[in-house]
Amino acid sequence: MLRIPPGGRAKAHLHADHETAIYVIEGSAVMYWGPALEHRMETNAGDLIYIPAGVPHLPINTGQTEAVAILARTDPHEQESVVLLPELDALVPE
């Protein structure tokens, strides 16, 4: 389960070796994705998001309430293939 408080954001990253499916249960968030985080997607409760392996992404809760989602990944050791991308963090405004 993923919980992002209002104003919260992840660090830019990718999952090198696995896919991720995210089902938003409550709230809303914005997902930036792509090689330079150039794509922006609004997500709301009821949305299903698919992130292929190797795709940089960064979620931000721009709403006033907590965003809650269920995540499913194709690798039981998914944290071992997380690659942080600090050079992309500054591409998305605070």
PDB file of N, CA and C in Angstrom:
ATOM      1  N   MET A   1       0.854  -1.172   0.000  1.00  0.00           N
ATOM      2  CA  MET A   1       0.000   0.000   0.000  1.00  0.00           C
ATOM      3  C   MET A   1       0.897   1.232   0.000  1.00  0.00           C
ATOM      4  N   LEU A   2       0.516   2.200  -0.783  1.00  0.00           N
ATOM      5  CA  LEU A   2       1.247   3.459  -0.882  1.00  0.00           C
ATOM      6  C   LEU A   2       0.365   4.567  -0.337  1.00  0.00           C
ATOM      7  N   ARG A   3       0.938   5.385   0.520  1.00  0.00           N
ATOM      8  CA  ARG A   3       0.239   6.549   1.061  1.00  0.00           C
ATOM      9  C   ARG A   3       1.124   7.766   0.835  1.00  0.00           C
ATOM     10  N   ILE A   4       0.556   8.802   0.206  1.00  0.00           N
ATOM     11  CA  ILE A   4       1.293  10.045  -0.021  1.00  0.00           C
ATOM     12  C   ILE A   4       0.490  11.170   0.620  1.00  0.00           C
ATOM     13  N   PRO A   5       1.059  11.859   1.612  1.00  0.00           N
ATOM     14  CA  PRO A   5       0.323  12.949   2.262  1.00  0.00           C
ATOM     15  C   PRO A   5       0.171  14.140   1.318  1.00  0.00           C
ATOM     16  N   PRO A   6      -0.759  15.043   1.616  1.00  0.00           N
ATOM     17  CA  PRO A   6      -0.901  16.250   0.796  1.00  0.00           C
ATOM     18  C   PRO A   6       0.447  16.968   0.684  1.00  0.00           C
ATOM     19  N   GLY A   7       0.834  17.317  -0.522  1.00  0.00           N
ATOM     20  CA  GLY A   7       2.116  17.992  -0.746  1.00  0.00           C
ATOM     21  C   GLY A   7       3.306  17.055  -0.815  1.00  0.00           C
ATOM     22  N   GLY A   8       3.103  15.772  -0.531  1.00  0.00           N
ATOM     23  CA  GLY A   8       4.203  14.811  -0.539  1.00  0.00           C
ATOM     24  C   GLY A   8       4.591  14.416  -1.954  1.00  0.00           C
ATOM     25  N   ARG A   9       5.842  14.043  -2.109  1.00  0.00           N
ATOM     26  CA  ARG A   9       6.325  13.604  -3.411  1.00  0.00           C
ATOM     27  C   ARG A   9       7.439  12.593  -3.234  1.00  0.00           C
ATOM     28  N   ALA A  10       7.562  11.721  -4.203  1.00  0.00           N
ATOM     29  CA  ALA A  10       8.657  10.751  -4.199  1.00  0.00           C
ATOM     30  C   ALA A  10       9.873  11.400  -4.851  1.00  0.00           C
ATOM     31  N   LYS A  11      10.983  10.714  -4.825  1.00  0.00           N
ATOM     32  CA  LYS A  11      12.152  11.117  -5.584  1.00  0.00           C
ATOM     33  C   LYS A  11      12.043  10.475  -6.960  1.00  0.00           C
ATOM     34  N   ALA A  12      12.571  11.136  -7.961  1.00  0.00           N
ATOM     35  CA  ALA A  12      12.569  10.569  -9.312  1.00  0.00           C
ATOM     36  C   ALA A  12      13.333   9.244  -9.270  1.00  0.00           C
ATOM     37  N   HIS A  13      12.739   8.224  -9.902  1.00  0.00           N
ATOM     38  CA  HIS A  13      13.360   6.901  -9.882  1.00  0.00           C
ATOM     39  C   HIS A  13      12.802   6.039 -11.001  1.00  0.00           C
ATOM     40  N   LEU A  14      13.387   4.881 -11.156  1.00  0.00           N
ATOM     41  CA  LEU A  14      12.849   3.871 -12.048  1.00  0.00           C
ATOM     42  C   LEU A  14      13.070   2.510 -11.419  1.00  0.00           C
ATOM     43  N   HIS A  15      12.341   1.537 -11.892  1.00  0.00           N
ATOM     44  CA  HIS A  15      12.484   0.153 -11.456  1.00  0.00           C
ATOM     45  C   HIS A  15      13.098  -0.587 -12.644  1.00  0.00           C
ATOM     46  N   ALA A  16      14.360  -0.930 -12.524  1.00  0.00           N
ATOM     47  CA  ALA A  16      15.128  -1.450 -13.654  1.00  0.00           C
ATOM     48  C   ALA A  16      14.576  -2.760 -14.204  1.00  0.00           C
ATOM     49  N   ASP A  17      14.099  -3.625 -13.342  1.00  0.00           N
ATOM     50  CA  ASP A  17      13.798  -4.983 -13.780  1.00  0.00           C
ATOM     51  C   ASP A  17      12.360  -5.432 -13.594  1.00  0.00           C
ATOM     52  N   HIS A  18      11.459  -4.538 -13.247  1.00  0.00           N
ATOM     53  CA  HIS A  18      10.082  -4.997 -13.065  1.00  0.00           C
ATOM     54  C   HIS A  18       9.054  -3.925 -13.407  1.00  0.00           C
ATOM     55  N   GLU A  19       7.858  -4.401 -13.702  1.00  0.00           N
ATOM     56  CA  GLU A  19       6.724  -3.547 -14.013  1.00  0.00           C
ATOM     57  C   GLU A  19       5.955  -3.250 -12.724  1.00  0.00           C
ATOM     58  N   THR A  20       5.180  -2.168 -12.752  1.00  0.00           N
ATOM     59  CA  THR A  20       4.364  -1.803 -11.600  1.00  0.00           C
ATOM     60  C   THR A  20       2.957  -1.451 -12.071  1.00  0.00           C
ATOM     61  N   ALA A  21       1.968  -1.935 -11.343  1.00  0.00           N
ATOM     62  CA  ALA A  21       0.571  -1.529 -11.552  1.00  0.00           C
ATOM     63  C   ALA A  21       0.116  -0.851 -10.270  1.00  0.00           C
ATOM     64  N   ILE A  22      -0.539   0.279 -10.411  1.00  0.00           N
ATOM     65  CA  ILE A  22      -0.990   1.068  -9.258  1.00  0.00           C
ATOM     66  C   ILE A  22      -2.481   1.327  -9.412  1.00  0.00           C
ATOM     67  N   TYR A  23      -3.250   0.968  -8.385  1.00  0.00           N
ATOM     68  CA  TYR A  23      -4.681   1.257  -8.362  1.00  0.00           C
ATOM     69  C   TYR A  23      -4.930   2.299  -7.279  1.00  0.00           C
ATOM     70  N   VAL A  24      -5.423   3.469  -7.668  1.00  0.00           N
ATOM     71  CA  VAL A  24      -5.665   4.565  -6.729  1.00  0.00           C
ATOM     72  C   VAL A  24      -6.987   4.319  -6.018  1.00  0.00           C
ATOM     73  N   ILE A  25      -6.920   4.228  -4.693  1.00  0.00           N
ATOM     74  CA  ILE A  25      -8.106   3.967  -3.875  1.00  0.00           C
ATOM     75  C   ILE A  25      -8.767   5.259  -3.403  1.00  0.00           C
ATOM     76  N   GLU A  26      -7.933   6.190  -2.932  1.00  0.00           N
ATOM     77  CA  GLU A  26      -8.447   7.455  -2.389  1.00  0.00           C
ATOM     78  C   GLU A  26      -7.565   8.602  -2.844  1.00  0.00           C
ATOM     79  N   GLY A  27      -8.168   9.770  -2.959  1.00  0.00           N
ATOM     80  CA  GLY A  27      -7.406  10.974  -3.251  1.00  0.00           C
ATOM     81  C   GLY A  27      -6.999  11.081  -4.707  1.00  0.00           C
ATOM     82  N   SER A  28      -6.002  11.917  -4.932  1.00  0.00           N
ATOM     83  CA  SER A  28      -5.511  12.147  -6.278  1.00  0.00           C
ATOM     84  C   SER A  28      -4.020  12.457  -6.205  1.00  0.00           C
ATOM     85  N   ALA A  29      -3.361  12.329  -7.340  1.00  0.00           N
ATOM     86  CA  ALA A  29      -1.933  12.641  -7.429  1.00  0.00           C
ATOM     87  C   ALA A  29      -1.600  12.932  -8.881  1.00  0.00           C
ATOM     88  N   VAL A  30      -0.443  13.481  -9.090  1.00  0.00           N
ATOM     89  CA  VAL A  30       0.075  13.722 -10.427  1.00  0.00           C
ATOM     90  C   VAL A  30       1.292  12.825 -10.595  1.00  0.00           C
ATOM     91  N   MET A  31       1.371  12.155 -11.742  1.00  0.00           N
ATOM     92  CA  MET A  31       2.521  11.305 -12.040  1.00  0.00           C
ATOM     93  C   MET A  31       3.264  11.915 -13.218  1.00  0.00           C
ATOM     94  N   TYR A  32       4.535  12.231 -12.995  1.00  0.00           N
ATOM     95  CA  TYR A  32       5.416  12.648 -14.075  1.00  0.00           C
ATOM     96  C   TYR A  32       6.190  11.415 -14.502  1.00  0.00           C
ATOM     97  N   TRP A  33       6.369  11.239 -15.808  1.00  0.00           N
ATOM     98  CA  TRP A  33       7.075  10.056 -16.278  1.00  0.00           C
ATOM     99  C   TRP A  33       7.714  10.336 -17.639  1.00  0.00           C
ATOM    100  N   GLY A  34       8.661   9.479 -17.993  1.00  0.00           N
ATOM    101  CA  GLY A  34       9.376   9.610 -19.258  1.00  0.00           C
ATOM    102  C   GLY A  34      10.857   9.860 -19.012  1.00  0.00           C
ATOM    103  N   PRO A  35      11.683   9.778 -20.045  1.00  0.00           N
ATOM    104  CA  PRO A  35      13.135   9.934 -19.889  1.00  0.00           C
ATOM    105  C   PRO A  35      13.548  11.224 -19.184  1.00  0.00           C
ATOM    106  N   ALA A  36      12.804  12.312 -19.410  1.00  0.00           N
ATOM    107  CA  ALA A  36      13.087  13.583 -18.748  1.00  0.00           C
ATOM    108  C   ALA A  36      11.880  14.044 -17.934  1.00  0.00           C
ATOM    109  N   LEU A  37      11.053  13.087 -17.504  1.00  0.00           N
ATOM    110  CA  LEU A  37       9.820  13.378 -16.764  1.00  0.00           C
ATOM    111  C   LEU A  37       8.956  14.392 -17.508  1.00  0.00           C
ATOM    112  N   GLU A  38       8.952  14.284 -18.836  1.00  0.00           N
ATOM    113  CA  GLU A  38       8.261  15.255 -19.670  1.00  0.00           C
ATOM    114  C   GLU A  38       6.759  15.023 -19.797  1.00  0.00           C
ATOM    115  N   HIS A  39       6.289  13.867 -19.377  1.00  0.00           N
ATOM    116  CA  HIS A  39       4.859  13.568 -19.447  1.00  0.00           C
ATOM    117  C   HIS A  39       4.229  13.772 -18.075  1.00  0.00           C
ATOM    118  N   ARG A  40       2.985  14.248 -18.069  1.00  0.00           N
ATOM    119  CA  ARG A  40       2.271  14.511 -16.812  1.00  0.00           C
ATOM    120  C   ARG A  40       0.898  13.858 -16.894  1.00  0.00           C
ATOM    121  N   MET A  41       0.553  13.099 -15.866  1.00  0.00           N
ATOM    122  CA  MET A  41      -0.723  12.389 -15.844  1.00  0.00           C
ATOM    123  C   MET A  41      -1.424  12.660 -14.511  1.00  0.00           C
ATOM    124  N   GLU A  42      -2.673  13.126 -14.570  1.00  0.00           N
ATOM    125  CA  GLU A  42      -3.498  13.290 -13.373  1.00  0.00           C
ATOM    126  C   GLU A  42      -4.080  11.928 -13.024  1.00  0.00           C
ATOM    127  N   THR A  43      -4.048  11.569 -11.757  1.00  0.00           N
ATOM    128  CA  THR A  43      -4.642  10.308 -11.319  1.00  0.00           C
ATOM    129  C   THR A  43      -5.622  10.581 -10.187  1.00  0.00           C
ATOM    130  N   ASN A  44      -6.715   9.824 -10.187  1.00  0.00           N
ATOM    131  CA  ASN A  44      -7.761   9.984  -9.180  1.00  0.00           C
ATOM    132  C   ASN A  44      -8.227   8.615  -8.713  1.00  0.00           C
ATOM    133  N   ALA A  45      -8.965   8.607  -7.608  1.00  0.00           N
ATOM    134  CA  ALA A  45      -9.513   7.348  -7.097  1.00  0.00           C
ATOM    135  C   ALA A  45     -10.226   6.615  -8.227  1.00  0.00           C
ATOM    136  N   GLY A  46      -9.929   5.315  -8.352  1.00  0.00           N
ATOM    137  CA  GLY A  46     -10.514   4.488  -9.394  1.00  0.00           C
ATOM    138  C   GLY A  46      -9.621   4.308 -10.607  1.00  0.00           C
ATOM    139  N   ASP A  47      -8.529   5.069 -10.698  1.00  0.00           N
ATOM    140  CA  ASP A  47      -7.626   4.947 -11.837  1.00  0.00           C
ATOM    141  C   ASP A  47      -6.631   3.811 -11.624  1.00  0.00           C
ATOM    142  N   LEU A  48      -6.261   3.173 -12.724  1.00  0.00           N
ATOM    143  CA  LEU A  48      -5.237   2.132 -12.735  1.00  0.00           C
ATOM    144  C   LEU A  48      -4.089   2.633 -13.601  1.00  0.00           C
ATOM    145  N   ILE A  49      -2.887   2.643 -13.058  1.00  0.00           N
ATOM    146  CA  ILE A  49      -1.709   3.153 -13.745  1.00  0.00           C
ATOM    147  C   ILE A  49      -0.737   1.997 -13.960  1.00  0.00           C
ATOM    148  N   TYR A  50      -0.173   1.915 -15.146  1.00  0.00           N
ATOM    149  CA  TYR A  50       0.822   0.899 -15.459  1.00  0.00           C
ATOM    150  C   TYR A  50       2.153   1.590 -15.746  1.00  0.00           C
ATOM    151  N   ILE A  51       3.227   1.123 -15.093  1.00  0.00           N
ATOM    152  CA  ILE A  51       4.559   1.667 -15.319  1.00  0.00           C
ATOM    153  C   ILE A  51       5.462   0.526 -15.775  1.00  0.00           C
ATOM    154  N   PRO A  52       5.900   0.560 -17.037  1.00  0.00           N
ATOM    155  CA  PRO A  52       6.805  -0.490 -17.517  1.00  0.00           C
ATOM    156  C   PRO A  52       8.168  -0.424 -16.808  1.00  0.00           C
ATOM    157  N   ALA A  53       8.890  -1.517 -16.823  1.00  0.00           N
ATOM    158  CA  ALA A  53      10.253  -1.537 -16.274  1.00  0.00           C
ATOM    159  C   ALA A  53      11.103  -0.504 -17.010  1.00  0.00           C
ATOM    160  N   GLY A  54      11.982   0.157 -16.267  1.00  0.00           N
ATOM    161  CA  GLY A  54      12.931   1.086 -16.866  1.00  0.00           C
ATOM    162  C   GLY A  54      12.406   2.464 -17.183  1.00  0.00           C
ATOM    163  N   VAL A  55      11.170   2.789 -16.792  1.00  0.00           N
ATOM    164  CA  VAL A  55      10.600   4.105 -17.096  1.00  0.00           C
ATOM    165  C   VAL A  55      10.748   5.024 -15.881  1.00  0.00           C
ATOM    166  N   PRO A  56      11.489   6.139 -15.998  1.00  0.00           N
ATOM    167  CA  PRO A  56      11.590   7.096 -14.894  1.00  0.00           C
ATOM    168  C   PRO A  56      10.211   7.664 -14.564  1.00  0.00           C
ATOM    169  N   HIS A  57       9.948   7.863 -13.266  1.00  0.00           N
ATOM    170  CA  HIS A  57       8.681   8.432 -12.840  1.00  0.00           C
ATOM    171  C   HIS A  57       8.826   9.098 -11.478  1.00  0.00           C
ATOM    172  N   LEU A  58       7.854   9.972 -11.177  1.00  0.00           N
ATOM    173  CA  LEU A  58       7.857  10.721  -9.927  1.00  0.00           C
ATOM    174  C   LEU A  58       6.416  11.115  -9.617  1.00  0.00           C
ATOM    175  N   PRO A  59       5.824  10.547  -8.562  1.00  0.00           N
ATOM    176  CA  PRO A  59       4.468  10.944  -8.177  1.00  0.00           C
ATOM    177  C   PRO A  59       4.486  12.084  -7.149  1.00  0.00           C
ATOM    178  N   ILE A  60       3.479  12.947  -7.243  1.00  0.00           N
ATOM    179  CA  ILE A  60       3.310  14.060  -6.309  1.00  0.00           C
ATOM    180  C   ILE A  60       1.835  14.140  -5.933  1.00  0.00           C
ATOM    181  N   ASN A  61       1.550  14.290  -4.656  1.00  0.00           N
ATOM    182  CA  ASN A  61       0.179  14.521  -4.210  1.00  0.00           C
ATOM    183  C   ASN A  61      -0.039  16.028  -4.173  1.00  0.00           C
ATOM    184  N   THR A  62      -0.728  16.544  -5.159  1.00  0.00           N
ATOM    185  CA  THR A  62      -1.025  17.974  -5.222  1.00  0.00           C
ATOM    186  C   THR A  62      -2.374  18.308  -4.590  1.00  0.00           C
ATOM    187  N   GLY A  63      -3.062  17.274  -4.091  1.00  0.00           N
ATOM    188  CA  GLY A  63      -4.387  17.463  -3.503  1.00  0.00           C
ATOM    189  C   GLY A  63      -4.334  17.893  -2.052  1.00  0.00           C
ATOM    190  N   GLN A  64      -5.518  18.007  -1.466  1.00  0.00           N
ATOM    191  CA  GLN A  64      -5.667  18.431  -0.076  1.00  0.00           C
ATOM    192  C   GLN A  64      -5.847  17.261   0.878  1.00  0.00           C
ATOM    193  N   THR A  65      -5.964  16.044   0.341  1.00  0.00           N
ATOM    194  CA  THR A  65      -6.144  14.859   1.180  1.00  0.00           C
ATOM    195  C   THR A  65      -5.079  13.817   0.825  1.00  0.00           C
ATOM    196  N   GLU A  66      -4.912  12.866   1.697  1.00  0.00           N
ATOM    197  CA  GLU A  66      -3.947  11.795   1.463  1.00  0.00           C
ATOM    198  C   GLU A  66      -4.326  11.000   0.215  1.00  0.00           C
ATOM    199  N   ALA A  67      -3.325  10.647  -0.587  1.00  0.00           N
ATOM    200  CA  ALA A  67      -3.532   9.756  -1.734  1.00  0.00           C
ATOM    201  C   ALA A  67      -3.163   8.348  -1.273  1.00  0.00           C
ATOM    202  N   VAL A  68      -4.045   7.395  -1.532  1.00  0.00           N
ATOM    203  CA  VAL A  68      -3.833   6.010  -1.108  1.00  0.00           C
ATOM    204  C   VAL A  68      -3.971   5.116  -2.333  1.00  0.00           C
ATOM    205  N   ALA A  69      -3.012   4.198  -2.502  1.00  0.00           N
ATOM    206  CA  ALA A  69      -3.043   3.301  -3.666  1.00  0.00           C
ATOM    207  C   ALA A  69      -2.495   1.932  -3.275  1.00  0.00           C
ATOM    208  N   ILE A  70      -2.905   0.942  -4.038  1.00  0.00           N
ATOM    209  CA  ILE A  70      -2.377  -0.418  -3.923  1.00  0.00           C
ATOM    210  C   ILE A  70      -1.406  -0.622  -5.084  1.00  0.00           C
ATOM    211  N   LEU A  71      -0.234  -1.165  -4.794  1.00  0.00           N
ATOM    212  CA  LEU A  71       0.762  -1.424  -5.827  1.00  0.00           C
ATOM    213  C   LEU A  71       0.967  -2.917  -5.994  1.00  0.00           C
ATOM    214  N   ALA A  72       1.180  -3.327  -7.226  1.00  0.00           N
ATOM    215  CA  ALA A  72       1.547  -4.714  -7.530  1.00  0.00           C
ATOM    216  C   ALA A  72       2.748  -4.660  -8.463  1.00  0.00           C
ATOM    217  N   ARG A  73       3.742  -5.470  -8.158  1.00  0.00           N
ATOM    218  CA  ARG A  73       4.962  -5.478  -8.964  1.00  0.00           C
ATOM    219  C   ARG A  73       5.274  -6.891  -9.417  1.00  0.00           C
ATOM    220  N   THR A  74       6.017  -7.008 -10.501  1.00  0.00           N
ATOM    221  CA  THR A  74       6.312  -8.314 -11.082  1.00  0.00           C
ATOM    222  C   THR A  74       7.569  -8.951 -10.513  1.00  0.00           C
ATOM    223  N   ASP A  75       8.116  -8.390  -9.437  1.00  0.00           N
ATOM    224  CA  ASP A  75       9.333  -8.935  -8.833  1.00  0.00           C
ATOM    225  C   ASP A  75       9.192  -8.890  -7.314  1.00  0.00           C
ATOM    226  N   PRO A  76       9.300 -10.036  -6.632  1.00  0.00           N
ATOM    227  CA  PRO A  76       9.174 -10.024  -5.175  1.00  0.00           C
ATOM    228  C   PRO A  76      10.317  -9.279  -4.485  1.00  0.00           C
ATOM    229  N   HIS A  77      11.405  -9.021  -5.185  1.00  0.00           N
ATOM    230  CA  HIS A  77      12.556  -8.293  -4.635  1.00  0.00           C
ATOM    231  C   HIS A  77      12.654  -6.914  -5.277  1.00  0.00           C
ATOM    232  N   GLU A  78      11.491  -6.270  -5.477  1.00  0.00           N
ATOM    233  CA  GLU A  78      11.439  -5.066  -6.278  1.00  0.00           C
ATOM    234  C   GLU A  78      12.303  -3.930  -5.779  1.00  0.00           C
ATOM    235  N   GLN A  79      12.564  -3.828  -4.514  1.00  0.00           N
ATOM    236  CA  GLN A  79      13.385  -2.727  -4.020  1.00  0.00           C
ATOM    237  C   GLN A  79      14.842  -2.850  -4.462  1.00  0.00           C
ATOM    238  N   GLU A  80      15.265  -4.046  -4.821  1.00  0.00           N
ATOM    239  CA  GLU A  80      16.644  -4.236  -5.256  1.00  0.00           C
ATOM    240  C   GLU A  80      16.902  -3.642  -6.633  1.00  0.00           C
ATOM    241  N   SER A  81      15.861  -3.400  -7.422  1.00  0.00           N
ATOM    242  CA  SER A  81      16.079  -2.840  -8.752  1.00  0.00           C
ATOM    243  C   SER A  81      15.641  -1.379  -8.862  1.00  0.00           C
ATOM    244  N   VAL A  82      15.434  -0.698  -7.717  1.00  0.00           N
ATOM    245  CA  VAL A  82      15.091   0.719  -7.734  1.00  0.00           C
ATOM    246  C   VAL A  82      16.366   1.515  -8.015  1.00  0.00           C
ATOM    247  N   VAL A  83      16.283   2.415  -8.995  1.00  0.00           N
ATOM    248  CA  VAL A  83      17.402   3.281  -9.341  1.00  0.00           C
ATOM    249  C   VAL A  83      16.945   4.716  -9.133  1.00  0.00           C
ATOM    250  N   LEU A  84      17.546   5.408  -8.157  1.00  0.00           N
ATOM    251  CA  LEU A  84      17.212   6.817  -7.932  1.00  0.00           C
ATOM    252  C   LEU A  84      17.823   7.660  -9.039  1.00  0.00           C
ATOM    253  N   LEU A  85      17.120   8.716  -9.436  1.00  0.00           N
ATOM    254  CA  LEU A  85      17.545   9.582 -10.527  1.00  0.00           C
ATOM    255  C   LEU A  85      17.557  11.045 -10.051  1.00  0.00           C
ATOM    256  N   PRO A  86      18.491  11.408  -9.161  1.00  0.00           N
ATOM    257  CA  PRO A  86      18.492  12.761  -8.604  1.00  0.00           C
ATOM    258  C   PRO A  86      18.619  13.861  -9.650  1.00  0.00           C
ATOM    259  N   GLU A  87      19.227  13.549 -10.790  1.00  0.00           N
ATOM    260  CA  GLU A  87      19.353  14.557 -11.841  1.00  0.00           C
ATOM    261  C   GLU A  87      18.004  14.943 -12.457  1.00  0.00           C
ATOM    262  N   LEU A  88      16.972  14.118 -12.255  1.00  0.00           N
ATOM    263  CA  LEU A  88      15.643  14.427 -12.778  1.00  0.00           C
ATOM    264  C   LEU A  88      14.758  15.151 -11.770  1.00  0.00           C
ATOM    265  N   ASP A  89      15.086  15.077 -10.479  1.00  0.00           N
ATOM    266  CA  ASP A  89      14.241  15.691  -9.456  1.00  0.00           C
ATOM    267  C   ASP A  89      13.967  17.160  -9.718  1.00  0.00           C
ATOM    268  N   ALA A  90      14.961  17.913 -10.141  1.00  0.00           N
ATOM    269  CA  ALA A  90      14.811  19.361 -10.351  1.00  0.00           C
ATOM    270  C   ALA A  90      13.960  19.688 -11.564  1.00  0.00           C
ATOM    271  N   LEU A  91      13.663  18.699 -12.423  1.00  0.00           N
ATOM    272  CA  LEU A  91      12.850  18.957 -13.618  1.00  0.00           C
ATOM    273  C   LEU A  91      11.374  19.142 -13.289  1.00  0.00           C
ATOM    274  N   VAL A  92      10.967  18.712 -12.102  1.00  0.00           N
ATOM    275  CA  VAL A  92       9.570  18.837 -11.676  1.00  0.00           C
ATOM    276  C   VAL A  92       9.519  19.861 -10.549  1.00  0.00           C
ATOM    277  N   PRO A  93       8.769  20.950 -10.737  1.00  0.00           N
ATOM    278  CA  PRO A  93       8.714  22.005  -9.706  1.00  0.00           C
ATOM    279  C   PRO A  93       8.135  21.494  -8.398  1.00  0.00           C
ATOM    280  N   GLU A  94       8.582  22.082  -7.320  1.00  0.00           N
ATOM    281  CA  GLU A  94       8.082  21.734  -5.971  1.00  0.00           C
ATOM    282  C   GLU A  94       6.654  22.158  -5.821  1.00  0.00           C
TER     283      GLU A  94
END
